[in-house]
Amino acid sequence: MTSKQVMTVAVLAAVLMWSTVMTVLGHLEAVAALLPSLGLLVQQITSALSGAGTAHGATSAADPAAGPPGLEGPSR
C-alpha cells in the first residue's frame, strides 16, 4: 500500500469511529443526517483504493471546451 492509501484508510477509520461514538452516545439524529456524506466518503475511498482514474462522465483534459451534456450555447 502506498502512503496515500494508508492515509485514506486512516481517514475512513477515523470517520467510522466517530460515527460509532456518536451512535453510542445517543446522537442518532446526527449520524442519520451524515449518512449520505459517509456513503459518498466510502464510495470515493473505495474508488481511490481500486485505482480508478476518472469518474463516469468526466471530461478529458484534451478537450477543455467540452461542458456537461445537455448545455448548448456559450456560457456567461
Protein backbone atom coordinates (compact mmCIF):
# COMPACT_ATOMS: atom_id res chain seq x y z
CA MET A 1 0.00 0.00 0.00
CA THR A 2 1.21 3.46 -0.80
CA SER A 3 1.30 6.21 1.79
CA LYS A 4 -1.72 7.83 0.10
CA GLN A 5 -3.72 4.64 0.50
CA VAL A 6 -2.67 4.31 4.15
CA MET A 7 -3.77 7.89 4.82
CA THR A 8 -7.08 7.26 3.06
CA VAL A 9 -7.77 4.18 5.16
CA ALA A 10 -6.83 6.11 8.32
CA VAL A 11 -9.31 8.88 7.48
CA LEU A 12 -12.04 6.32 6.77
CA ALA A 13 -11.34 4.57 10.08
CA ALA A 14 -11.47 7.88 11.98
CA VAL A 15 -14.80 8.89 10.40
CA LEU A 16 -16.35 5.50 11.05
CA MET A 17 -15.07 5.53 14.65
CA TRP A 18 -16.56 8.99 15.15
CA SER A 19 -19.90 7.76 13.82
CA THR A 20 -19.81 4.79 16.18
CA VAL A 21 -19.08 7.02 19.19
CA MET A 22 -21.91 9.39 18.23
CA THR A 23 -24.29 6.43 17.98
CA VAL A 24 -23.23 5.02 21.35
CA LEU A 25 -23.70 8.44 22.96
CA GLY A 26 -27.25 8.58 21.64
CA HIS A 27 -26.83 11.15 18.88
CA LEU A 28 -28.66 9.09 16.28
CA GLU A 29 -30.06 12.18 14.56
CA ALA A 30 -26.55 13.49 13.89
CA VAL A 31 -25.43 10.17 12.46
CA ALA A 32 -28.60 9.85 10.35
CA ALA A 33 -28.05 13.34 8.93
CA LEU A 34 -24.50 12.44 7.93
CA LEU A 35 -25.23 9.04 6.36
CA PRO A 36 -25.33 10.35 2.76
CA SER A 37 -21.96 12.05 3.26
CA LEU A 38 -20.50 8.94 4.85
CA GLY A 39 -21.75 6.83 1.95
CA LEU A 40 -20.08 9.18 -0.52
CA LEU A 41 -16.87 9.10 1.53
CA VAL A 42 -16.79 5.31 1.45
CA GLN A 43 -17.51 5.32 -2.30
CA GLN A 44 -14.73 7.80 -3.03
CA ILE A 45 -12.21 5.96 -0.86
CA THR A 46 -13.11 2.65 -2.50
CA SER A 47 -12.63 4.27 -5.89
CA ALA A 48 -9.27 5.71 -4.84
CA LEU A 49 -8.03 2.40 -3.44
CA SER A 50 -9.10 0.46 -6.52
CA GLY A 51 -7.10 2.83 -8.71
CA ALA A 52 -9.95 4.14 -10.81
CA GLY A 53 -8.55 7.02 -12.86
CA THR A 54 -11.62 9.05 -13.75
CA ALA A 55 -15.22 9.19 -12.73
CA HIS A 56 -18.01 8.33 -15.14
CA GLY A 57 -18.96 11.29 -17.30
CA ALA A 58 -15.81 13.27 -16.62
CA THR A 59 -14.45 15.36 -19.44
CA SER A 60 -10.97 14.66 -20.65
CA ALA A 61 -8.11 17.11 -20.24
CA ALA A 62 -7.59 17.04 -24.02
CA ASP A 63 -10.97 18.70 -24.60
CA PRO A 64 -11.27 21.62 -22.14
CA ALA A 65 -14.12 23.22 -24.13
CA ALA A 66 -16.40 20.24 -23.56
CA GLY A 67 -19.01 21.02 -20.99
CA PRO A 68 -21.60 18.86 -19.30
CA PRO A 69 -24.02 17.16 -21.68
CA GLY A 70 -27.27 18.99 -22.30
CA LEU A 71 -25.85 22.50 -22.23
CA GLU A 72 -25.94 24.32 -25.53
CA GLY A 73 -24.67 27.77 -26.31
CA PRO A 74 -21.95 29.90 -24.78
CA SER A 75 -21.67 30.14 -21.03
CA ARG A 76 -21.99 33.55 -19.46
